[in-house]
Each structure stands twice: as structure tokens, then as C-alpha cells.
Amino acid sequence: MKVIVKKKDNAIPVSISTEFIKLQDAMKFANIVYSGGEAKTLIQEGEVKVNGEVCTMRGKKLYNGDKFEFDGTVYMISYHS
């Protein structure tokens, strides 16, 4: 017998109305940081993960279903037209 275990997805949704959002803008939109400068510093220091991997590109484009993580909290981009 095969058992499949699915992890519960506790990601906080970040709803956008455009096709994509840049990582630093997503962090501001989700109220993680107050300014682009703060986001830039955290991203360049390797404090942010995108889809499970450390990302140091603040202009990284995030699309529907992409996840980013900061300080142990996961956020998921959700596109609504």
C-alpha cells in the first residue's frame, strides 16, 4: 500500500491584478517592508526565498502560483483579473 502525504499549504495569499509583480514590490504590497530600500537590502543579503531557493534579484518577476518566503512566513502570488 502506498501512502501519499500532502503538506498543508499555509501560504498567505498576495492577490495581484497584473500578470506579474516584482519581488521587492510584492514584499511592499504584503506589508513585509516599508520601503523599496529595505526590501532591496533584505533580498541582496539572501534573506528571501522564491519557490524554495534563495533569490538575490530584487526585480525577480513573480507570477500566479509563485511563492516567496521571508522570516519563516510563506506568501503565494494569486492573480485575479
N, C-alpha and C. Protein backbone atom coordinates (compact mmCIF):
# COMPACT_ATOMS: atom_id res chain seq x y z
N MET A 1 0.84 -1.17 0.00
CA MET A 1 0.00 0.00 0.00
C MET A 1 0.89 1.24 0.00
N LYS A 2 0.55 2.18 -0.84
CA LYS A 2 1.31 3.42 -0.95
C LYS A 2 0.56 4.52 -0.23
N VAL A 3 1.28 5.26 0.59
CA VAL A 3 0.69 6.37 1.33
C VAL A 3 1.30 7.67 0.81
N ILE A 4 0.45 8.60 0.45
CA ILE A 4 0.92 9.90 -0.03
C ILE A 4 0.56 10.94 1.03
N VAL A 5 1.58 11.64 1.47
CA VAL A 5 1.38 12.67 2.49
C VAL A 5 1.48 14.02 1.81
N LYS A 6 0.46 14.82 1.96
CA LYS A 6 0.47 16.17 1.40
C LYS A 6 0.62 17.16 2.54
N LYS A 7 1.53 18.10 2.35
CA LYS A 7 1.70 19.15 3.35
C LYS A 7 0.57 20.16 3.20
N LYS A 8 0.08 20.62 4.32
CA LYS A 8 -0.94 21.66 4.28
C LYS A 8 -0.28 22.96 3.85
N ASP A 9 -0.90 23.62 2.91
CA ASP A 9 -0.33 24.87 2.38
C ASP A 9 -0.82 26.04 3.24
N ASN A 10 0.08 26.58 4.03
CA ASN A 10 -0.26 27.68 4.91
C ASN A 10 0.22 29.02 4.36
N ALA A 11 0.43 29.09 3.06
CA ALA A 11 0.93 30.31 2.45
C ALA A 11 -0.12 31.42 2.53
N ILE A 12 0.36 32.61 2.81
CA ILE A 12 -0.51 33.78 2.86
C ILE A 12 -0.68 34.29 1.43
N PRO A 13 -1.92 34.42 0.95
CA PRO A 13 -2.11 34.87 -0.43
C PRO A 13 -1.80 36.36 -0.61
N VAL A 14 -1.15 36.67 -1.71
CA VAL A 14 -0.89 38.05 -2.11
C VAL A 14 -1.58 38.21 -3.45
N SER A 15 -2.74 38.84 -3.45
CA SER A 15 -3.55 38.98 -4.67
C SER A 15 -3.07 40.15 -5.52
N ILE A 16 -2.83 39.87 -6.79
CA ILE A 16 -2.43 40.91 -7.73
C ILE A 16 -3.41 40.94 -8.90
N SER A 17 -3.48 42.06 -9.57
CA SER A 17 -4.38 42.18 -10.71
C SER A 17 -3.62 42.34 -12.02
N THR A 18 -2.30 42.14 -11.97
CA THR A 18 -1.47 42.18 -13.16
C THR A 18 -0.87 40.79 -13.38
N GLU A 19 -0.27 40.58 -14.54
CA GLU A 19 0.27 39.26 -14.87
C GLU A 19 1.41 38.85 -13.93
N PHE A 20 2.21 39.81 -13.50
CA PHE A 20 3.33 39.52 -12.61
C PHE A 20 3.56 40.70 -11.68
N ILE A 21 4.38 40.46 -10.66
CA ILE A 21 4.81 41.52 -9.74
C ILE A 21 6.27 41.26 -9.41
N LYS A 22 7.05 42.32 -9.30
CA LYS A 22 8.46 42.15 -8.94
C LYS A 22 8.57 41.82 -7.45
N LEU A 23 9.60 41.05 -7.12
CA LEU A 23 9.77 40.58 -5.75
C LEU A 23 9.75 41.71 -4.73
N GLN A 24 10.52 42.77 -4.96
CA GLN A 24 10.56 43.85 -3.97
C GLN A 24 9.20 44.52 -3.83
N ASP A 25 8.45 44.60 -4.93
CA ASP A 25 7.12 45.20 -4.88
C ASP A 25 6.14 44.28 -4.14
N ALA A 26 6.31 42.98 -4.33
CA ALA A 26 5.45 42.02 -3.62
C ALA A 26 5.69 42.12 -2.11
N MET A 27 6.93 42.33 -1.72
CA MET A 27 7.23 42.46 -0.30
C MET A 27 6.59 43.72 0.28
N LYS A 28 6.61 44.80 -0.48
CA LYS A 28 5.95 46.04 -0.02
C LYS A 28 4.43 45.85 0.00
N PHE A 29 3.89 45.23 -1.03
CA PHE A 29 2.45 45.02 -1.15
C PHE A 29 1.92 44.13 -0.01
N ALA A 30 2.74 43.18 0.43
CA ALA A 30 2.34 42.27 1.51
C ALA A 30 2.64 42.86 2.89
N ASN A 31 3.08 44.11 2.93
CA ASN A 31 3.41 44.81 4.19
C ASN A 31 4.51 44.14 4.99
N ILE A 32 5.46 43.54 4.29
CA ILE A 32 6.62 42.93 4.95
C ILE A 32 7.66 44.00 5.23
N VAL A 33 7.78 44.94 4.29
CA VAL A 33 8.73 46.05 4.42
C VAL A 33 8.00 47.36 4.16
N TYR A 34 8.62 48.44 4.59
CA TYR A 34 8.01 49.76 4.41
C TYR A 34 8.51 50.48 3.17
N SER A 35 9.72 50.08 2.70
CA SER A 35 10.29 50.80 1.56
C SER A 35 11.00 49.84 0.62
N GLY A 36 11.22 50.32 -0.60
CA GLY A 36 11.96 49.54 -1.57
C GLY A 36 13.40 49.33 -1.15
N GLY A 37 13.95 50.32 -0.46
CA GLY A 37 15.34 50.21 0.03
C GLY A 37 15.49 49.09 1.05
N GLU A 38 14.50 48.98 1.93
CA GLU A 38 14.52 47.91 2.93
C GLU A 38 14.40 46.54 2.24
N ALA A 39 13.51 46.45 1.25
CA ALA A 39 13.35 45.20 0.50
C ALA A 39 14.65 44.85 -0.23
N LYS A 40 15.26 45.85 -0.87
CA LYS A 40 16.49 45.64 -1.61
C LYS A 40 17.57 45.05 -0.71
N THR A 41 17.72 45.61 0.47
CA THR A 41 18.75 45.13 1.40
C THR A 41 18.50 43.68 1.80
N LEU A 42 17.28 43.37 2.19
CA LEU A 42 16.94 42.01 2.63
C LEU A 42 17.14 41.00 1.51
N ILE A 43 16.74 41.37 0.30
CA ILE A 43 16.88 40.46 -0.85
C ILE A 43 18.35 40.24 -1.17
N GLN A 44 19.14 41.32 -1.24
CA GLN A 44 20.55 41.20 -1.59
C GLN A 44 21.36 40.47 -0.52
N GLU A 45 20.87 40.47 0.72
CA GLU A 45 21.56 39.74 1.79
C GLU A 45 21.15 38.27 1.84
N GLY A 46 20.28 37.85 0.91
CA GLY A 46 19.88 36.45 0.84
C GLY A 46 18.85 36.03 1.88
N GLU A 47 18.08 36.99 2.37
CA GLU A 47 17.09 36.71 3.41
C GLU A 47 15.74 36.25 2.85
N VAL A 48 15.60 36.25 1.52
CA VAL A 48 14.32 35.93 0.90
C VAL A 48 14.48 34.73 -0.03
N LYS A 49 13.52 33.81 0.03
CA LYS A 49 13.50 32.66 -0.87
C LYS A 49 12.33 32.80 -1.83
N VAL A 50 12.55 32.38 -3.08
CA VAL A 50 11.49 32.32 -4.07
C VAL A 50 11.38 30.87 -4.53
N ASN A 51 10.19 30.31 -4.38
CA ASN A 51 9.95 28.91 -4.73
C ASN A 51 10.98 27.97 -4.12
N GLY A 52 11.31 28.25 -2.85
CA GLY A 52 12.20 27.37 -2.09
C GLY A 52 13.69 27.63 -2.21
N GLU A 53 14.10 28.57 -3.07
CA GLU A 53 15.52 28.85 -3.27
C GLU A 53 15.82 30.31 -2.95
N VAL A 54 16.98 30.55 -2.35
CA VAL A 54 17.39 31.92 -2.05
C VAL A 54 17.46 32.71 -3.34
N CYS A 55 16.89 33.90 -3.32
CA CYS A 55 16.88 34.78 -4.50
C CYS A 55 17.48 36.12 -4.12
N THR A 56 18.46 36.58 -4.89
CA THR A 56 19.08 37.87 -4.61
C THR A 56 18.74 38.90 -5.69
N MET A 57 17.76 38.58 -6.53
CA MET A 57 17.34 39.50 -7.60
C MET A 57 16.07 40.22 -7.16
N ARG A 58 16.19 41.50 -6.82
CA ARG A 58 15.02 42.23 -6.33
C ARG A 58 13.98 42.45 -7.42
N GLY A 59 14.40 42.42 -8.68
CA GLY A 59 13.49 42.60 -9.80
C GLY A 59 12.90 41.30 -10.32
N LYS A 60 13.13 40.20 -9.59
CA LYS A 60 12.61 38.89 -9.99
C LYS A 60 11.10 38.98 -10.17
N LYS A 61 10.62 38.53 -11.33
CA LYS A 61 9.18 38.57 -11.61
C LYS A 61 8.50 37.36 -11.00
N LEU A 62 7.44 37.61 -10.24
CA LEU A 62 6.66 36.55 -9.63
C LEU A 62 5.32 36.47 -10.34
N TYR A 63 4.93 35.25 -10.68
CA TYR A 63 3.68 35.01 -11.40
C TYR A 63 2.71 34.22 -10.52
N ASN A 64 1.49 34.07 -10.99
CA ASN A 64 0.47 33.33 -10.27
C ASN A 64 1.01 31.96 -9.82
N GLY A 65 0.87 31.66 -8.54
CA GLY A 65 1.32 30.39 -8.00
C GLY A 65 2.73 30.40 -7.44
N ASP A 66 3.53 31.42 -7.77
CA ASP A 66 4.88 31.52 -7.21
C ASP A 66 4.78 31.80 -5.72
N LYS A 67 5.76 31.30 -4.98
CA LYS A 67 5.80 31.53 -3.54
C LYS A 67 7.11 32.21 -3.17
N PHE A 68 7.04 33.10 -2.20
CA PHE A 68 8.26 33.66 -1.64
C PHE A 68 8.17 33.59 -0.13
N GLU A 69 9.33 33.51 0.49
CA GLU A 69 9.39 33.31 1.94
C GLU A 69 10.34 34.30 2.57
N PHE A 70 9.91 34.85 3.68
CA PHE A 70 10.75 35.75 4.46
C PHE A 70 10.49 35.49 5.94
N ASP A 71 11.54 35.33 6.69
CA ASP A 71 11.45 35.17 8.15
C ASP A 71 10.50 34.03 8.55
N GLY A 72 10.53 32.93 7.77
CA GLY A 72 9.74 31.75 8.10
C GLY A 72 8.29 31.80 7.65
N THR A 73 7.87 32.90 7.05
CA THR A 73 6.49 33.02 6.58
C THR A 73 6.47 32.92 5.06
N VAL A 74 5.55 32.11 4.54
CA VAL A 74 5.45 31.89 3.10
C VAL A 74 4.25 32.67 2.55
N TYR A 75 4.48 33.31 1.42
CA TYR A 75 3.45 34.09 0.74
C TYR A 75 3.30 33.51 -0.67
N MET A 76 2.07 33.48 -1.19
CA MET A 76 1.84 32.95 -2.53
C MET A 76 1.14 33.99 -3.40
N ILE A 77 1.67 34.20 -4.59
CA ILE A 77 1.10 35.15 -5.52
C ILE A 77 -0.18 34.55 -6.12
N SER A 78 -1.23 35.35 -6.08
CA SER A 78 -2.53 34.91 -6.60
C SER A 78 -3.03 35.97 -7.57
N TYR A 79 -3.15 35.60 -8.84
CA TYR A 79 -3.58 36.54 -9.88
C TYR A 79 -5.09 36.49 -10.05
N HIS A 80 -5.70 37.65 -9.98
CA HIS A 80 -7.14 37.78 -10.20
C HIS A 80 -7.36 38.87 -11.23
N SER A 81 -7.94 38.51 -12.37
CA SER A 81 -8.16 39.51 -13.43
C SER A 81 -9.41 40.33 -13.17
